[in-house]
Amino acid sequence: MSEAIRVGVVGARGRMGQAVLQAVGDAPDMNLVAAVDLGDSLSALTDSKAQVVVDFTNAEVAVKTLEFALPAGLACVVGTTGFDDSQMSTIRSLIEANPNVGLVIAPNFSIGAVLMMSAAAEAAPHFDSVEIIEYHRKEKLDSPSGTSKATAEFIAQARSKAGKPGFLPTSAEAKARGESVAGVTIHSVRGEGMVAHQEVVFSRDGERYTIRHDSFDRESFMPGVLLAVRTIMNRPGLTLGLQPLL
């Protein structure tokens, strides 16, 4: 039997962090060796000889985690979203400087959400219009969500690959139209009791096609997180999204 993977968690006292602690603790092939949160030193990760670091914090904190962990040779699994261009540039530079270390950044670790994005990409060339509606807890910092932005980009790439033009803009006033990402309009809803929910609404003359995914509990993300932990040490470089791991 191979040795258990030594895992450290950053953002351990947050809601996602608590779910990761439970999932790692229950996994027979993993050992939880460090739980780090605000006010704790990241040196706990190296002191505990962690092999993989899981980060569910915010974009600013996650970049600091990566600046510490990647040069130390620690593979990283990041579920934080909302990185701006400057932060992504910093992350790519860190990977270039540490090419033998693995990093996966995924907007969503739910298997169902990944399948939803794939289905949206498959449908994209066949419809004349599409809009995305995403629902999350009111405390979520970024809007639109990372999942909805990734979905919009998959849709745009699928249309381009099929030789189809981008979707035509609507004539409605912009002030009530949400945000456009890769030519796809995204509407963000924030409210109590929501976890992560998304609808992709395609339409053409005479028909509408809606793809919907709902995560009712953070436990739905854990199979994807554990999959990433199990694979990332043998996958050097930057992996964006869960799709390549599936």
Protein backbone atom coordinates (compact mmCIF):
# COMPACT_ATOMS: atom_id res chain seq x y z
CA MET A 1 0.00 0.00 0.00
CA SER A 2 1.39 3.43 -0.99
CA GLU A 3 2.03 6.13 1.60
CA ALA A 4 -0.84 8.47 2.44
CA ILE A 5 -0.72 11.92 0.84
CA ARG A 6 0.14 14.63 3.36
CA VAL A 7 -2.31 17.51 2.92
CA GLY A 8 -2.36 21.05 4.29
CA VAL A 9 -5.42 23.29 4.05
CA VAL A 10 -5.34 27.10 3.83
CA GLY A 11 -8.59 28.85 4.71
CA ALA A 12 -9.30 26.05 7.16
CA ARG A 13 -11.88 27.93 9.23
CA GLY A 14 -14.00 28.98 6.26
CA ARG A 15 -17.03 27.02 5.14
CA MET A 16 -15.26 25.42 2.20
CA GLY A 17 -12.15 24.90 4.30
CA GLN A 18 -14.16 23.05 6.93
CA ALA A 19 -15.63 20.77 4.26
CA VAL A 20 -12.13 20.06 2.89
CA LEU A 21 -10.84 19.22 6.38
CA GLN A 22 -13.65 16.71 6.80
CA ALA A 23 -13.16 15.17 3.34
CA VAL A 24 -9.39 14.83 3.70
CA GLY A 25 -9.76 13.45 7.21
CA ASP A 26 -12.18 10.81 5.93
CA ALA A 27 -10.09 9.82 2.91
CA PRO A 28 -8.15 6.59 3.62
CA ASP A 29 -5.26 7.60 1.36
CA MET A 30 -4.70 11.06 2.88
CA ASN A 31 -3.38 12.53 6.12
CA LEU A 32 -4.40 16.04 7.21
CA VAL A 33 -1.15 17.53 8.53
CA ALA A 34 -1.81 21.30 8.63
CA ALA A 35 -4.83 23.60 8.94
CA VAL A 36 -3.96 27.26 8.34
CA ASP A 37 -6.15 30.34 8.54
CA LEU A 38 -5.96 34.08 9.21
CA GLY A 39 -3.22 34.82 11.73
CA ASP A 40 -1.45 31.48 11.23
CA SER A 41 1.97 31.17 9.62
CA LEU A 42 2.24 29.44 6.25
CA SER A 43 5.40 27.82 7.60
CA ALA A 44 3.06 25.26 9.20
CA LEU A 45 2.78 23.77 5.71
CA THR A 46 6.49 23.08 5.40
CA ASP A 47 6.98 22.29 9.10
CA SER A 48 4.36 19.55 8.79
CA LYS A 49 5.98 18.21 5.59
CA ALA A 50 2.78 18.66 3.61
CA GLN A 51 2.94 17.46 0.02
CA VAL A 52 -0.24 19.09 -1.31
CA VAL A 53 -1.81 22.38 -0.25
CA VAL A 54 -5.53 23.04 -0.75
CA ASP A 55 -6.53 26.73 -0.77
CA PHE A 56 -10.10 28.05 -0.57
CA THR A 57 -9.59 31.67 0.53
CA ASN A 58 -9.72 34.77 -1.66
CA ALA A 59 -7.62 35.86 -4.61
CA GLU A 60 -5.18 38.04 -2.63
CA VAL A 61 -4.55 35.39 0.03
CA ALA A 62 -4.30 32.58 -2.52
CA VAL A 63 -1.53 34.38 -4.41
CA LYS A 64 0.43 34.67 -1.14
CA THR A 65 -0.13 30.96 -0.51
CA LEU A 66 1.27 30.13 -3.95
CA GLU A 67 4.22 32.48 -3.51
CA PHE A 68 5.13 30.46 -0.41
CA ALA A 69 4.16 26.95 -1.46
CA LEU A 70 5.33 26.59 -5.07
CA PRO A 71 8.99 27.58 -4.44
CA ALA A 72 8.93 25.15 -1.49
CA GLY A 73 7.97 22.34 -3.86
CA LEU A 74 4.41 21.93 -2.55
CA ALA A 75 1.78 20.99 -5.13
CA CYS A 76 -1.33 23.15 -4.85
CA VAL A 77 -5.06 22.77 -5.42
CA VAL A 78 -6.82 26.14 -5.56
CA GLY A 79 -10.59 26.63 -5.54
CA THR A 80 -10.35 30.37 -5.07
CA THR A 81 -11.77 32.45 -7.95
CA GLY A 82 -11.75 36.13 -8.86
CA PHE A 83 -8.08 36.44 -9.88
CA ASP A 84 -7.45 39.57 -11.94
CA ASP A 85 -5.03 39.70 -14.88
CA SER A 86 -2.15 40.90 -12.71
CA GLN A 87 -2.64 38.08 -10.21
CA MET A 88 -2.85 35.46 -12.98
CA SER A 89 0.38 36.88 -14.44
CA THR A 90 2.05 36.45 -11.05
CA ILE A 91 0.78 32.87 -10.83
CA ARG A 92 2.04 32.01 -14.32
CA SER A 93 5.45 33.48 -13.44
CA LEU A 94 5.57 31.33 -10.31
CA ILE A 95 4.85 28.21 -12.38
CA GLU A 96 7.51 29.17 -14.94
CA ALA A 97 10.02 29.55 -12.09
CA ASN A 98 8.97 26.22 -10.56
CA PRO A 99 8.10 24.03 -13.57
CA ASN A 100 8.29 20.71 -11.73
CA VAL A 101 5.55 21.62 -9.23
CA GLY A 102 1.87 20.99 -9.98
CA LEU A 103 -0.91 23.55 -9.58
CA VAL A 104 -4.60 23.15 -10.42
CA ILE A 105 -6.93 26.15 -10.30
CA ALA A 106 -10.57 25.26 -10.85
CA PRO A 107 -13.61 27.54 -10.75
CA ASN A 108 -15.75 24.60 -9.66
CA PHE A 109 -14.85 21.16 -8.26
CA SER A 110 -18.32 19.67 -8.70
CA ILE A 111 -18.37 16.83 -11.24
CA GLY A 112 -21.88 17.88 -12.28
CA ALA A 113 -20.76 21.47 -12.88
CA VAL A 114 -17.93 20.26 -15.12
CA LEU A 115 -20.40 18.17 -17.12
CA MET A 116 -22.72 21.21 -17.37
CA MET A 117 -19.90 23.28 -18.88
CA SER A 118 -19.10 20.50 -21.36
CA ALA A 119 -22.78 20.24 -22.35
CA ALA A 120 -22.94 24.01 -22.87
CA ALA A 121 -19.90 23.89 -25.15
CA GLU A 122 -21.50 21.08 -27.17
CA ALA A 123 -24.75 23.03 -27.57
CA ALA A 124 -23.14 26.39 -28.36
CA PRO A 125 -22.78 26.06 -32.17
CA HIS A 126 -26.42 25.05 -32.62
CA PHE A 127 -28.28 28.05 -31.13
CA ASP A 128 -28.63 31.73 -31.94
CA SER A 129 -28.72 33.12 -28.40
CA VAL A 130 -27.43 32.22 -24.94
CA GLU A 131 -27.45 33.77 -21.49
CA ILE A 132 -26.20 32.51 -18.13
CA ILE A 133 -27.87 32.98 -14.75
CA GLU A 134 -25.80 32.06 -11.70
CA TYR A 135 -26.88 31.96 -8.06
CA HIS A 136 -24.59 32.02 -5.01
CA ARG A 137 -24.60 32.97 -1.34
CA LYS A 138 -24.77 36.71 -0.70
CA GLU A 139 -21.28 36.72 0.86
CA LYS A 140 -19.57 35.61 -2.38
CA LEU A 141 -17.03 38.29 -3.25
CA ASP A 142 -16.66 37.89 -7.02
CA SER A 143 -19.39 38.49 -9.56
CA PRO A 144 -19.89 36.95 -12.08
CA SER A 145 -18.77 33.66 -10.58
CA GLY A 146 -15.68 31.85 -11.84
CA THR A 147 -17.88 28.99 -13.05
CA SER A 148 -20.10 31.26 -15.14
CA LYS A 149 -17.11 33.02 -16.67
CA ALA A 150 -15.48 29.70 -17.52
CA THR A 151 -18.75 28.50 -19.05
CA ALA A 152 -18.96 31.63 -21.22
CA GLU A 153 -15.40 31.09 -22.41
CA PHE A 154 -16.10 27.43 -23.25
CA ILE A 155 -19.15 28.52 -25.25
CA ALA A 156 -17.18 31.15 -27.17
CA GLN A 157 -14.36 28.70 -27.91
CA ALA A 158 -16.81 26.04 -29.14
CA ARG A 159 -18.49 28.50 -31.51
CA SER A 160 -15.16 29.70 -32.84
CA LYS A 161 -13.96 26.13 -33.40
CA ALA A 162 -17.18 25.39 -35.30
CA GLY A 163 -16.68 28.45 -37.48
CA LYS A 164 -19.74 30.19 -36.03
CA PRO A 165 -19.86 33.92 -35.26
CA GLY A 166 -20.26 35.29 -31.78
CA PHE A 167 -23.77 35.78 -30.41
CA LEU A 168 -25.54 38.95 -31.53
CA PRO A 169 -26.12 41.54 -28.78
CA THR A 170 -29.68 42.18 -27.63
CA SER A 171 -31.33 45.55 -28.12
CA ALA A 172 -32.35 45.94 -24.46
CA GLU A 173 -30.90 48.74 -22.36
CA ALA A 174 -27.53 47.78 -20.94
CA LYS A 175 -28.29 48.83 -17.36
CA ALA A 176 -30.37 45.69 -16.71
CA ARG A 177 -28.44 43.28 -18.87
CA GLY A 178 -25.76 41.82 -16.60
CA GLU A 179 -22.09 41.55 -17.58
CA SER A 180 -20.79 40.34 -20.93
CA VAL A 181 -18.00 37.73 -20.79
CA ALA A 182 -16.63 36.41 -24.10
CA GLY A 183 -19.77 37.78 -25.73
CA VAL A 184 -22.13 35.94 -23.36
CA THR A 185 -24.35 37.87 -20.96
CA ILE A 186 -24.17 36.66 -17.34
CA HIS A 187 -26.66 37.55 -14.62
CA SER A 188 -25.53 37.12 -10.99
CA VAL A 189 -28.01 36.46 -8.20
CA ARG A 190 -26.89 36.55 -4.55
CA GLY A 191 -29.02 35.44 -1.63
CA GLU A 192 -29.37 33.58 1.66
CA GLY A 193 -29.39 29.80 1.57
CA MET A 194 -27.80 29.47 -1.86
CA VAL A 195 -24.64 27.42 -2.43
CA ALA A 196 -23.83 27.25 -6.17
CA HIS A 197 -26.42 27.08 -8.95
CA GLN A 198 -26.26 27.89 -12.65
CA GLU A 199 -28.55 27.91 -15.68
CA VAL A 200 -27.31 28.18 -19.26
CA VAL A 201 -30.25 29.22 -21.43
CA PHE A 202 -29.89 28.68 -25.20
CA SER A 203 -32.59 29.69 -27.67
CA ARG A 204 -33.43 29.85 -31.36
CA ASP A 205 -36.63 30.32 -33.31
CA GLY A 206 -39.23 27.94 -31.89
CA GLU A 207 -37.25 26.40 -29.05
CA ARG A 208 -35.32 26.95 -25.85
CA TYR A 209 -32.72 24.63 -24.32
CA THR A 210 -31.79 25.08 -20.64
CA ILE A 211 -28.91 23.33 -18.89
CA ARG A 212 -29.00 23.64 -15.10
CA HIS A 213 -26.78 22.44 -12.31
CA ASP A 214 -27.37 22.81 -8.56
CA SER A 215 -24.97 22.23 -5.69
CA PHE A 216 -27.10 22.10 -2.53
CA ASP A 217 -24.20 21.32 -0.20
CA ARG A 218 -20.45 21.94 -0.21
CA GLU A 219 -20.00 18.18 0.01
CA SER A 220 -20.72 18.14 -3.74
CA PHE A 221 -17.31 19.73 -4.39
CA MET A 222 -15.31 17.24 -2.35
CA PRO A 223 -14.95 14.37 -4.90
CA GLY A 224 -13.37 16.84 -7.31
CA VAL A 225 -11.08 18.27 -4.62
CA LEU A 226 -9.90 14.80 -3.62
CA LEU A 227 -9.38 13.87 -7.28
CA ALA A 228 -7.16 16.94 -7.70
CA VAL A 229 -5.18 16.13 -4.53
CA ARG A 230 -4.59 12.57 -5.75
CA THR A 231 -3.36 13.60 -9.21
CA ILE A 232 -1.60 16.96 -8.94
CA MET A 233 1.75 15.70 -7.63
CA ASN A 234 2.16 13.76 -10.88
CA ARG A 235 0.99 16.65 -13.08
CA PRO A 236 3.62 19.42 -13.10
CA GLY A 237 2.74 22.87 -14.38
CA LEU A 238 -0.54 24.78 -14.39
CA THR A 239 -3.85 22.96 -14.90
CA LEU A 240 -6.90 25.18 -15.34
CA GLY A 241 -10.21 23.55 -14.50
CA LEU A 242 -11.13 20.05 -13.46
CA GLN A 243 -11.80 18.84 -17.00
CA PRO A 244 -8.23 17.65 -17.76
CA LEU A 245 -8.22 15.57 -14.57
CA LEU A 246 -11.39 13.75 -15.63
